[in-house]
């Protein structure tokens, strides 16, 4: 991220934060031009934070705290900065290991950075923050899915250590890319 741009990432914990996340989710789905009803998307948004709530989930919002943010920036609040992106984490069903214990697994969802913030390292900062949270919550593996057209996101994830994986749910979207990462210590 360029040195002249400051970023604050925090849990979306207030009603106003949730409204900002809903706006980001709406922008995200509009940018996809894809029907997400197979993911129960409408229910997900209506019930935020829902599965992304602590103690087993997380919903983060990123704000630019750069005083040079462009005039007319959306969602600017006194002392909080321009809302520029979000990311979410939720638990997935655990899977059995060979020693009869379970592997704690989570899923990253809804990484979105507004167009004006792309290419500045905001997406990377959001993923790094959610991975820290996943480790802190005791997850051992994280999974995610993305579209084959999202090449910059795929490069970001693979650059952070994610590897291609088999599908962990049935997706009607042709070519969905499934990725996972062992979190370890």
N, C-alpha and C. Protein backbone atom coordinates (compact mmCIF):
# COMPACT_ATOMS: atom_id res chain seq x y z
N UNK A 1 0.85 -1.17 0.00
CA UNK A 1 0.00 0.00 0.00
C UNK A 1 0.90 1.23 0.00
N UNK A 2 0.59 2.22 -0.82
CA UNK A 2 1.41 3.41 -0.85
C UNK A 2 1.51 4.05 0.53
N UNK A 3 2.67 4.65 0.79
CA UNK A 3 2.93 5.21 2.11
C UNK A 3 2.04 6.40 2.45
N UNK A 4 1.44 7.04 1.46
CA UNK A 4 0.62 8.21 1.74
C UNK A 4 -0.83 7.87 2.05
N UNK A 5 -1.15 6.61 2.13
CA UNK A 5 -2.54 6.21 2.38
C UNK A 5 -2.58 5.39 3.66
N UNK A 6 -3.34 5.84 4.64
CA UNK A 6 -3.48 5.12 5.90
C UNK A 6 -4.78 4.34 5.87
N UNK A 7 -4.77 3.22 6.57
CA UNK A 7 -5.92 2.32 6.56
C UNK A 7 -6.22 1.86 7.97
N UNK A 8 -7.48 1.85 8.33
CA UNK A 8 -7.93 1.31 9.62
C UNK A 8 -8.91 0.18 9.32
N UNK A 9 -8.61 -1.00 9.87
CA UNK A 9 -9.49 -2.16 9.70
C UNK A 9 -10.03 -2.52 11.08
N UNK A 10 -11.35 -2.62 11.19
CA UNK A 10 -11.95 -2.94 12.48
C UNK A 10 -13.17 -3.82 12.27
N UNK A 11 -13.59 -4.48 13.36
CA UNK A 11 -14.81 -5.28 13.32
C UNK A 11 -15.99 -4.35 13.04
N UNK A 12 -16.87 -4.79 12.19
CA UNK A 12 -18.12 -4.05 11.95
C UNK A 12 -19.04 -4.37 13.12
N UNK A 13 -19.11 -3.47 14.08
CA UNK A 13 -19.80 -3.80 15.33
C UNK A 13 -20.98 -2.90 15.66
N UNK A 14 -21.11 -1.78 14.98
CA UNK A 14 -22.22 -0.88 15.27
C UNK A 14 -23.29 -1.00 14.19
N UNK A 15 -24.50 -0.56 14.48
CA UNK A 15 -25.53 -0.57 13.44
C UNK A 15 -25.10 0.22 12.19
N UNK A 16 -24.38 1.31 12.39
CA UNK A 16 -23.91 2.10 11.25
C UNK A 16 -22.86 1.31 10.45
N UNK A 17 -21.98 0.58 11.15
CA UNK A 17 -21.01 -0.28 10.45
C UNK A 17 -21.74 -1.30 9.59
N UNK A 18 -22.78 -1.92 10.15
CA UNK A 18 -23.53 -2.94 9.41
C UNK A 18 -24.19 -2.33 8.17
N UNK A 19 -24.69 -1.11 8.29
CA UNK A 19 -25.26 -0.43 7.12
C UNK A 19 -24.20 -0.20 6.06
N UNK A 20 -22.99 0.18 6.48
CA UNK A 20 -21.89 0.35 5.53
C UNK A 20 -21.56 -0.97 4.84
N UNK A 21 -21.54 -2.05 5.62
CA UNK A 21 -21.25 -3.37 5.05
C UNK A 21 -22.34 -3.76 4.05
N UNK A 22 -23.58 -3.51 4.39
CA UNK A 22 -24.67 -3.81 3.45
C UNK A 22 -24.48 -3.06 2.14
N UNK A 23 -24.07 -1.80 2.22
CA UNK A 23 -23.82 -1.01 1.01
C UNK A 23 -22.66 -1.61 0.21
N UNK A 24 -21.60 -2.03 0.91
CA UNK A 24 -20.47 -2.66 0.22
C UNK A 24 -20.89 -3.98 -0.41
N UNK A 25 -21.67 -4.78 0.31
CA UNK A 25 -22.16 -6.05 -0.25
C UNK A 25 -22.99 -5.80 -1.51
N UNK A 26 -23.82 -4.75 -1.48
CA UNK A 26 -24.65 -4.43 -2.65
C UNK A 26 -23.77 -4.06 -3.84
N UNK A 27 -22.73 -3.25 -3.59
CA UNK A 27 -21.80 -2.91 -4.67
C UNK A 27 -21.10 -4.16 -5.19
N UNK A 28 -20.71 -5.02 -4.26
CA UNK A 28 -20.03 -6.27 -4.61
C UNK A 28 -20.90 -7.12 -5.54
N UNK A 29 -22.15 -7.33 -5.14
CA UNK A 29 -23.01 -8.20 -5.96
C UNK A 29 -23.35 -7.55 -7.30
N UNK A 30 -23.50 -6.24 -7.32
CA UNK A 30 -23.73 -5.55 -8.59
C UNK A 30 -22.54 -5.74 -9.52
N UNK A 31 -21.33 -5.68 -8.96
CA UNK A 31 -20.12 -5.83 -9.78
C UNK A 31 -19.99 -7.24 -10.34
N UNK A 32 -20.57 -8.22 -9.65
CA UNK A 32 -20.49 -9.61 -10.11
C UNK A 32 -21.45 -9.89 -11.26
N UNK A 33 -22.57 -9.18 -11.29
CA UNK A 33 -23.62 -9.45 -12.28
C UNK A 33 -23.96 -10.94 -12.27
N UNK A 34 -24.18 -11.47 -11.07
CA UNK A 34 -24.39 -12.89 -10.87
C UNK A 34 -25.48 -13.08 -9.82
N UNK A 35 -26.35 -14.04 -10.02
CA UNK A 35 -27.40 -14.35 -9.05
C UNK A 35 -26.80 -15.19 -7.93
N UNK A 36 -26.77 -14.64 -6.73
CA UNK A 36 -26.19 -15.35 -5.58
C UNK A 36 -27.25 -16.04 -4.72
N UNK A 37 -28.44 -16.24 -5.25
CA UNK A 37 -29.49 -16.87 -4.46
C UNK A 37 -29.10 -18.28 -4.01
N UNK A 38 -28.24 -18.96 -4.76
CA UNK A 38 -27.80 -20.30 -4.36
C UNK A 38 -26.99 -20.27 -3.07
N UNK A 39 -26.53 -19.09 -2.67
CA UNK A 39 -25.79 -18.93 -1.41
C UNK A 39 -26.67 -18.33 -0.31
N UNK A 40 -27.98 -18.27 -0.53
CA UNK A 40 -28.90 -17.65 0.43
C UNK A 40 -28.48 -16.21 0.75
N UNK A 41 -28.06 -15.52 -0.28
CA UNK A 41 -27.51 -14.18 -0.13
C UNK A 41 -28.48 -13.19 0.51
N UNK A 42 -29.74 -13.18 0.08
CA UNK A 42 -30.71 -12.22 0.63
C UNK A 42 -30.86 -12.39 2.14
N UNK A 43 -30.93 -13.62 2.59
CA UNK A 43 -31.02 -13.91 4.02
C UNK A 43 -29.74 -13.49 4.74
N UNK A 44 -28.61 -13.75 4.11
CA UNK A 44 -27.31 -13.37 4.70
C UNK A 44 -27.28 -11.86 4.97
N UNK A 45 -27.65 -11.07 3.99
CA UNK A 45 -27.61 -9.61 4.13
C UNK A 45 -28.65 -9.14 5.15
N UNK A 46 -29.84 -9.69 5.10
CA UNK A 46 -30.90 -9.28 6.02
C UNK A 46 -30.55 -9.56 7.48
N UNK A 47 -29.73 -10.58 7.71
CA UNK A 47 -29.41 -11.00 9.08
C UNK A 47 -28.00 -10.65 9.52
N UNK A 48 -27.33 -9.74 8.81
CA UNK A 48 -25.97 -9.38 9.20
C UNK A 48 -25.90 -8.92 10.65
N UNK A 49 -24.89 -9.31 11.41
CA UNK A 49 -23.72 -10.06 10.98
C UNK A 49 -23.93 -11.56 10.86
N UNK A 50 -25.02 -12.11 11.37
CA UNK A 50 -25.34 -13.52 11.18
C UNK A 50 -24.17 -14.45 11.46
N UNK A 51 -23.84 -15.31 10.52
CA UNK A 51 -22.76 -16.29 10.70
C UNK A 51 -21.39 -15.64 10.83
N UNK A 52 -21.30 -14.35 10.50
CA UNK A 52 -20.03 -13.63 10.61
C UNK A 52 -19.83 -13.02 12.00
N UNK A 53 -20.77 -13.24 12.90
CA UNK A 53 -20.68 -12.65 14.24
C UNK A 53 -19.71 -13.43 15.12
N UNK A 54 -19.05 -12.72 16.05
CA UNK A 54 -18.25 -13.42 17.06
C UNK A 54 -19.17 -14.32 17.87
N UNK A 55 -18.71 -15.37 18.50
CA UNK A 55 -17.29 -15.67 18.69
C UNK A 55 -16.66 -16.54 17.61
N UNK A 56 -17.43 -17.05 16.65
CA UNK A 56 -16.83 -17.96 15.67
C UNK A 56 -16.66 -17.32 14.30
N UNK A 57 -17.12 -16.09 14.13
CA UNK A 57 -16.99 -15.41 12.85
C UNK A 57 -16.46 -14.01 13.03
N UNK A 58 -16.30 -13.31 11.92
CA UNK A 58 -15.81 -11.94 11.96
C UNK A 58 -16.28 -11.21 10.70
N UNK A 59 -16.54 -9.94 10.86
CA UNK A 59 -16.93 -9.08 9.76
C UNK A 59 -16.13 -7.78 9.91
N UNK A 60 -15.22 -7.56 8.96
CA UNK A 60 -14.33 -6.41 9.05
C UNK A 60 -14.67 -5.36 8.01
N UNK A 61 -14.45 -4.12 8.39
CA UNK A 61 -14.65 -2.99 7.50
C UNK A 61 -13.35 -2.20 7.46
N UNK A 62 -12.96 -1.77 6.27
CA UNK A 62 -11.73 -0.98 6.10
C UNK A 62 -12.10 0.46 5.78
N UNK A 63 -11.38 1.37 6.43
CA UNK A 63 -11.58 2.79 6.19
C UNK A 63 -10.24 3.43 5.86
N UNK A 64 -10.26 4.30 4.87
CA UNK A 64 -9.08 5.10 4.59
C UNK A 64 -9.07 6.24 5.59
N UNK A 65 -7.96 6.40 6.26
CA UNK A 65 -7.83 7.51 7.21
C UNK A 65 -6.92 8.58 6.64
N UNK A 66 -6.69 8.51 5.33
CA UNK A 66 -5.87 9.48 4.63
C UNK A 66 -6.59 10.82 4.58
N UNK A 67 -5.99 11.87 5.14
CA UNK A 67 -6.66 13.17 5.10
C UNK A 67 -6.83 13.70 3.67
N UNK A 68 -6.10 13.12 2.73
CA UNK A 68 -6.20 13.55 1.33
C UNK A 68 -7.23 12.75 0.55
N UNK A 69 -8.15 12.06 1.25
CA UNK A 69 -9.21 11.33 0.55
C UNK A 69 -9.93 12.29 -0.38
N UNK A 70 -10.36 11.80 -1.53
CA UNK A 70 -10.99 12.69 -2.50
C UNK A 70 -12.25 13.35 -1.95
N UNK A 71 -12.51 14.60 -2.34
CA UNK A 71 -13.74 15.27 -1.90
C UNK A 71 -14.95 14.47 -2.36
N UNK A 72 -15.99 14.48 -1.56
CA UNK A 72 -17.21 13.77 -1.93
C UNK A 72 -17.13 12.27 -1.70
N UNK A 73 -16.12 11.81 -0.98
CA UNK A 73 -16.00 10.37 -0.70
C UNK A 73 -17.24 9.91 0.04
N UNK A 74 -17.69 8.71 -0.31
CA UNK A 74 -18.92 8.18 0.29
C UNK A 74 -18.66 7.68 1.71
N UNK A 75 -19.69 7.76 2.54
CA UNK A 75 -19.68 7.17 3.88
C UNK A 75 -18.57 7.73 4.77
N UNK A 76 -18.27 9.00 4.64
CA UNK A 76 -17.26 9.60 5.50
C UNK A 76 -17.94 10.02 6.80
N UNK A 77 -17.32 9.63 7.90
CA UNK A 77 -17.85 9.99 9.21
C UNK A 77 -16.76 10.72 9.98
N UNK A 78 -17.17 11.58 10.86
CA UNK A 78 -16.23 12.35 11.67
C UNK A 78 -15.21 11.43 12.34
N UNK A 79 -13.95 11.60 12.00
CA UNK A 79 -12.88 10.85 12.65
C UNK A 79 -12.75 9.40 12.24
N UNK A 80 -13.58 8.92 11.31
CA UNK A 80 -13.50 7.51 10.96
C UNK A 80 -12.94 7.26 9.57
N UNK A 81 -13.10 8.17 8.66
CA UNK A 81 -12.56 8.01 7.33
C UNK A 81 -13.53 7.39 6.34
N UNK A 82 -13.07 7.34 5.11
CA UNK A 82 -13.87 6.81 4.01
C UNK A 82 -13.92 5.29 4.06
N UNK A 83 -15.11 4.72 3.97
CA UNK A 83 -15.28 3.26 3.94
C UNK A 83 -14.83 2.78 2.56
N UNK A 84 -13.84 1.87 2.54
CA UNK A 84 -13.26 1.46 1.26
C UNK A 84 -13.37 -0.03 0.98
N UNK A 85 -13.70 -0.86 1.99
CA UNK A 85 -13.78 -2.29 1.72
C UNK A 85 -14.24 -3.09 2.92
N UNK A 86 -14.41 -4.39 2.67
CA UNK A 86 -14.86 -5.29 3.73
C UNK A 86 -14.40 -6.72 3.43
N UNK A 87 -14.52 -7.55 4.44
CA UNK A 87 -14.24 -8.98 4.32
C UNK A 87 -14.94 -9.68 5.48
N UNK A 88 -15.31 -10.94 5.27
CA UNK A 88 -16.03 -11.68 6.30
C UNK A 88 -15.43 -13.08 6.49
N UNK A 89 -15.69 -13.63 7.66
CA UNK A 89 -15.20 -14.96 8.02
C UNK A 89 -16.33 -15.68 8.75
N UNK A 90 -16.56 -16.94 8.37
CA UNK A 90 -17.59 -17.72 9.06
C UNK A 90 -17.12 -19.16 9.21
N UNK A 91 -17.66 -19.86 10.20
CA UNK A 91 -17.27 -21.26 10.39
C UNK A 91 -17.88 -22.15 9.31
N UNK A 92 -17.16 -23.21 8.98
CA UNK A 92 -17.68 -24.29 8.14
C UNK A 92 -17.73 -25.54 9.01
N UNK A 93 -18.50 -26.53 8.62
CA UNK A 93 -18.50 -27.78 9.40
C UNK A 93 -17.09 -28.35 9.49
N UNK A 94 -16.73 -28.79 10.68
CA UNK A 94 -15.41 -29.40 10.89
C UNK A 94 -15.35 -30.74 10.19
N UNK A 95 -14.13 -31.16 9.85
CA UNK A 95 -13.96 -32.45 9.18
C UNK A 95 -13.13 -33.39 10.04
N UNK A 96 -13.43 -34.67 9.99
CA UNK A 96 -12.68 -35.64 10.80
C UNK A 96 -11.25 -35.80 10.30
N UNK A 97 -10.34 -35.99 11.25
CA UNK A 97 -8.95 -36.32 10.94
C UNK A 97 -8.76 -37.81 11.15
N UNK A 98 -7.63 -38.31 10.76
CA UNK A 98 -7.36 -39.75 10.92
C UNK A 98 -7.29 -40.17 12.38
N UNK A 99 -6.98 -39.23 13.29
CA UNK A 99 -6.87 -39.57 14.71
C UNK A 99 -8.18 -39.34 15.47
N UNK A 100 -9.28 -39.26 14.76
CA UNK A 100 -10.63 -39.12 15.33
C UNK A 100 -10.95 -37.73 15.88
N UNK A 101 -10.01 -36.79 15.82
CA UNK A 101 -10.34 -35.43 16.22
C UNK A 101 -10.88 -34.68 15.00
N UNK A 102 -11.27 -33.45 15.20
CA UNK A 102 -11.85 -32.67 14.11
C UNK A 102 -10.94 -31.51 13.73
N UNK A 103 -10.91 -31.18 12.45
CA UNK A 103 -10.19 -30.02 11.97
C UNK A 103 -11.16 -28.84 11.93
N UNK A 104 -10.82 -27.77 12.62
CA UNK A 104 -11.66 -26.58 12.64
C UNK A 104 -11.44 -25.78 11.36
N UNK A 105 -12.51 -25.59 10.59
CA UNK A 105 -12.42 -24.96 9.27
C UNK A 105 -13.31 -23.73 9.22
N UNK A 106 -12.81 -22.69 8.56
CA UNK A 106 -13.61 -21.49 8.34
C UNK A 106 -13.56 -21.11 6.86
N UNK A 107 -14.38 -20.14 6.52
CA UNK A 107 -14.48 -19.70 5.14
C UNK A 107 -14.40 -18.18 5.07
N UNK A 108 -13.61 -17.68 4.14
CA UNK A 108 -13.56 -16.25 3.85
C UNK A 108 -14.62 -15.95 2.81
N UNK A 109 -15.37 -14.90 3.05
CA UNK A 109 -16.42 -14.47 2.12
C UNK A 109 -16.36 -12.96 1.93
N UNK A 110 -16.92 -12.53 0.82
CA UNK A 110 -17.27 -11.14 0.55
C UNK A 110 -16.11 -10.14 0.63
N UNK A 111 -14.91 -10.56 0.20
CA UNK A 111 -13.84 -9.57 0.07
C UNK A 111 -14.25 -8.59 -1.02
N UNK A 112 -14.30 -7.34 -0.66
CA UNK A 112 -14.65 -6.32 -1.65
C UNK A 112 -13.92 -5.03 -1.31
N UNK A 113 -13.32 -4.44 -2.34
CA UNK A 113 -12.67 -3.13 -2.22
C UNK A 113 -13.29 -2.24 -3.30
N UNK A 114 -13.70 -1.07 -2.90
CA UNK A 114 -14.28 -0.13 -3.86
C UNK A 114 -13.27 0.18 -4.97
N UNK A 115 -13.76 0.42 -6.18
CA UNK A 115 -12.85 0.63 -7.32
C UNK A 115 -11.75 1.66 -7.07
N UNK A 116 -12.05 2.76 -6.40
CA UNK A 116 -11.04 3.80 -6.16
C UNK A 116 -9.92 3.31 -5.24
N UNK A 117 -10.17 2.25 -4.48
CA UNK A 117 -9.17 1.73 -3.56
C UNK A 117 -8.38 0.54 -4.08
N UNK A 118 -8.69 0.08 -5.26
CA UNK A 118 -8.02 -1.11 -5.80
C UNK A 118 -6.59 -0.79 -6.22
N UNK A 119 -5.73 -1.78 -6.06
CA UNK A 119 -4.33 -1.62 -6.42
C UNK A 119 -3.51 -0.90 -5.37
N UNK A 120 -4.10 -0.64 -4.21
CA UNK A 120 -3.41 0.08 -3.14
C UNK A 120 -3.04 -0.81 -1.96
N UNK A 121 -3.29 -2.11 -2.07
CA UNK A 121 -2.97 -3.04 -0.99
C UNK A 121 -4.08 -3.22 0.03
N UNK A 122 -5.23 -2.63 -0.21
CA UNK A 122 -6.34 -2.74 0.75
C UNK A 122 -6.87 -4.16 0.81
N UNK A 123 -7.04 -4.80 -0.33
CA UNK A 123 -7.50 -6.19 -0.36
C UNK A 123 -6.56 -7.10 0.39
N UNK A 124 -5.27 -6.93 0.15
CA UNK A 124 -4.27 -7.74 0.85
C UNK A 124 -4.34 -7.50 2.36
N UNK A 125 -4.46 -6.25 2.77
CA UNK A 125 -4.54 -5.93 4.20
C UNK A 125 -5.78 -6.57 4.83
N UNK A 126 -6.90 -6.56 4.12
CA UNK A 126 -8.12 -7.18 4.63
C UNK A 126 -7.94 -8.69 4.78
N UNK A 127 -7.36 -9.34 3.77
CA UNK A 127 -7.15 -10.80 3.85
C UNK A 127 -6.18 -11.12 4.99
N UNK A 128 -5.10 -10.37 5.10
CA UNK A 128 -4.15 -10.62 6.19
C UNK A 128 -4.82 -10.46 7.55
N UNK A 129 -5.68 -9.46 7.69
CA UNK A 129 -6.38 -9.24 8.97
C UNK A 129 -7.33 -10.38 9.29
N UNK A 130 -8.06 -10.86 8.28
CA UNK A 130 -9.01 -11.94 8.53
C UNK A 130 -8.27 -13.25 8.82
N UNK A 131 -7.10 -13.45 8.23
CA UNK A 131 -6.30 -14.64 8.53
C UNK A 131 -5.79 -14.60 9.97
N UNK A 132 -5.39 -13.43 10.44
CA UNK A 132 -4.98 -13.29 11.85
C UNK A 132 -6.14 -13.65 12.77
N UNK A 133 -7.32 -13.19 12.43
CA UNK A 133 -8.51 -13.48 13.24
C UNK A 133 -8.83 -14.98 13.21
N UNK A 134 -8.72 -15.59 12.05
CA UNK A 134 -8.98 -17.03 11.93
C UNK A 134 -8.05 -17.82 12.84
N UNK A 135 -6.78 -17.45 12.84
CA UNK A 135 -5.81 -18.13 13.73
C UNK A 135 -6.17 -17.89 15.19
N UNK A 136 -6.50 -16.65 15.53
CA UNK A 136 -6.85 -16.31 16.92
C UNK A 136 -8.09 -17.08 17.39
N UNK A 137 -9.00 -17.37 16.47
CA UNK A 137 -10.21 -18.11 16.81
C UNK A 137 -9.99 -19.62 16.85
N UNK A 138 -8.78 -20.06 16.52
CA UNK A 138 -8.45 -21.48 16.61
C UNK A 138 -8.73 -22.29 15.36
N UNK A 139 -9.00 -21.62 14.26
CA UNK A 139 -9.21 -22.37 13.01
C UNK A 139 -7.88 -22.91 12.50
N UNK A 140 -7.96 -24.10 11.90
CA UNK A 140 -6.77 -24.75 11.38
C UNK A 140 -6.68 -24.69 9.87
N UNK A 141 -7.80 -24.46 9.23
CA UNK A 141 -7.85 -24.39 7.77
C UNK A 141 -8.88 -23.35 7.37
N UNK A 142 -8.56 -22.63 6.30
CA UNK A 142 -9.49 -21.65 5.75
C UNK A 142 -9.73 -21.96 4.28
N UNK A 143 -10.98 -21.83 3.87
CA UNK A 143 -11.36 -22.09 2.49
C UNK A 143 -12.03 -20.85 1.92
N UNK A 144 -12.08 -20.79 0.60
CA UNK A 144 -12.80 -19.73 -0.07
C UNK A 144 -13.07 -20.14 -1.50
N UNK A 145 -13.98 -19.41 -2.12
CA UNK A 145 -14.23 -19.61 -3.54
C UNK A 145 -14.19 -18.25 -4.22
N UNK A 146 -13.87 -18.26 -5.49
CA UNK A 146 -13.86 -17.04 -6.28
C UNK A 146 -14.18 -17.38 -7.72
N UNK A 147 -14.42 -16.37 -8.50
CA UNK A 147 -14.75 -16.57 -9.90
C UNK A 147 -13.48 -16.63 -10.74
N UNK A 148 -13.49 -17.41 -11.81
CA UNK A 148 -12.29 -17.50 -12.65
C UNK A 148 -11.91 -16.16 -13.28
N UNK A 149 -12.87 -15.27 -13.43
CA UNK A 149 -12.59 -13.95 -14.01
C UNK A 149 -11.85 -13.02 -13.04
N UNK A 150 -11.82 -13.37 -11.77
CA UNK A 150 -11.18 -12.51 -10.76
C UNK A 150 -9.70 -12.87 -10.61
N UNK A 151 -8.96 -12.67 -11.68
CA UNK A 151 -7.56 -13.07 -11.69
C UNK A 151 -6.70 -12.33 -10.67
N UNK A 152 -6.95 -11.06 -10.43
CA UNK A 152 -6.15 -10.34 -9.44
C UNK A 152 -6.42 -10.89 -8.04
N UNK A 153 -7.66 -11.27 -7.74
CA UNK A 153 -7.97 -11.86 -6.44
C UNK A 153 -7.30 -13.23 -6.31
N UNK A 154 -7.32 -14.02 -7.37
CA UNK A 154 -6.68 -15.34 -7.34
C UNK A 154 -5.18 -15.18 -7.10
N UNK A 155 -4.56 -14.23 -7.78
CA UNK A 155 -3.12 -13.98 -7.57
C UNK A 155 -2.86 -13.54 -6.12
N UNK A 156 -3.71 -12.69 -5.59
CA UNK A 156 -3.57 -12.25 -4.21
C UNK A 156 -3.62 -13.44 -3.27
N UNK A 157 -4.66 -14.26 -3.39
CA UNK A 157 -4.81 -15.41 -2.50
C UNK A 157 -3.64 -16.37 -2.63
N UNK A 158 -3.26 -16.70 -3.85
CA UNK A 158 -2.14 -17.63 -4.04
C UNK A 158 -0.84 -17.03 -3.54
N UNK A 159 -0.66 -15.73 -3.68
CA UNK A 159 0.52 -15.06 -3.16
C UNK A 159 0.60 -15.10 -1.64
N UNK A 160 -0.54 -15.22 -0.99
CA UNK A 160 -0.58 -15.32 0.47
C UNK A 160 -0.50 -16.76 0.97
N UNK A 161 -0.42 -17.72 0.04
CA UNK A 161 -0.26 -19.11 0.45
C UNK A 161 -1.44 -20.02 0.21
N UNK A 162 -2.52 -19.51 -0.35
CA UNK A 162 -3.66 -20.37 -0.67
C UNK A 162 -3.30 -21.26 -1.84
N UNK A 163 -3.85 -22.47 -1.84
CA UNK A 163 -3.63 -23.43 -2.92
C UNK A 163 -4.98 -23.86 -3.48
N UNK A 164 -4.97 -24.22 -4.76
CA UNK A 164 -6.19 -24.72 -5.40
C UNK A 164 -6.64 -25.98 -4.66
N UNK A 165 -7.94 -26.14 -4.56
CA UNK A 165 -8.50 -27.26 -3.79
C UNK A 165 -9.74 -27.78 -4.49
N UNK A 166 -10.18 -28.95 -4.06
CA UNK A 166 -11.43 -29.50 -4.56
C UNK A 166 -12.60 -28.67 -4.05
N UNK A 167 -13.72 -28.78 -4.73
CA UNK A 167 -14.88 -27.99 -4.31
C UNK A 167 -15.40 -28.50 -2.97
N UNK A 168 -15.81 -27.57 -2.14
CA UNK A 168 -16.35 -27.91 -0.82
C UNK A 168 -17.85 -27.67 -0.74
N UNK A 169 -18.42 -27.24 -1.84
CA UNK A 169 -19.88 -27.16 -1.98
C UNK A 169 -20.19 -27.17 -3.48
N UNK A 170 -21.43 -27.47 -3.79
CA UNK A 170 -21.85 -27.48 -5.20
C UNK A 170 -22.17 -26.06 -5.65
N UNK A 171 -21.46 -25.60 -6.65
CA UNK A 171 -21.69 -24.27 -7.18
C UNK A 171 -22.27 -24.37 -8.59
N UNK A 172 -23.33 -23.63 -8.85
CA UNK A 172 -23.88 -23.62 -10.20
C UNK A 172 -23.06 -22.73 -11.16
N UNK A 173 -22.08 -22.02 -10.61
CA UNK A 173 -21.27 -21.11 -11.41
C UNK A 173 -20.13 -21.90 -12.05
N UNK A 174 -20.16 -21.96 -13.37
CA UNK A 174 -19.16 -22.71 -14.12
C UNK A 174 -17.76 -22.16 -13.84
N UNK A 175 -16.82 -23.05 -13.53
CA UNK A 175 -15.42 -22.66 -13.36
C UNK A 175 -15.07 -22.06 -12.02
N UNK A 176 -15.98 -22.10 -11.04
CA UNK A 176 -15.67 -21.56 -9.72
C UNK A 176 -14.32 -22.10 -9.26
N UNK A 177 -13.48 -21.20 -8.75
CA UNK A 177 -12.15 -21.57 -8.27
C UNK A 177 -12.24 -21.74 -6.75
N UNK A 178 -11.84 -22.91 -6.26
CA UNK A 178 -11.84 -23.19 -4.83
C UNK A 178 -10.40 -23.18 -4.34
N UNK A 179 -10.17 -22.48 -3.24
CA UNK A 179 -8.83 -22.35 -2.66
C UNK A 179 -8.90 -22.66 -1.17
N UNK A 180 -7.76 -23.08 -0.62
CA UNK A 180 -7.69 -23.32 0.83
C UNK A 180 -6.28 -23.09 1.32
N UNK A 181 -6.17 -22.90 2.63
CA UNK A 181 -4.88 -22.70 3.27
C UNK A 181 -4.90 -23.37 4.63
N UNK A 182 -3.85 -24.11 4.93
CA UNK A 182 -3.64 -24.64 6.28
C UNK A 182 -3.08 -23.49 7.10
N UNK A 183 -3.65 -23.23 8.26
CA UNK A 183 -3.21 -22.09 9.05
C UNK A 183 -2.01 -22.41 9.92
N UNK A 184 -1.97 -23.60 10.50
CA UNK A 184 -0.82 -23.96 11.33
C UNK A 184 -0.50 -22.93 12.38
N UNK A 185 0.66 -23.10 12.98
CA UNK A 185 1.09 -22.16 14.04
C UNK A 185 2.09 -21.16 13.53
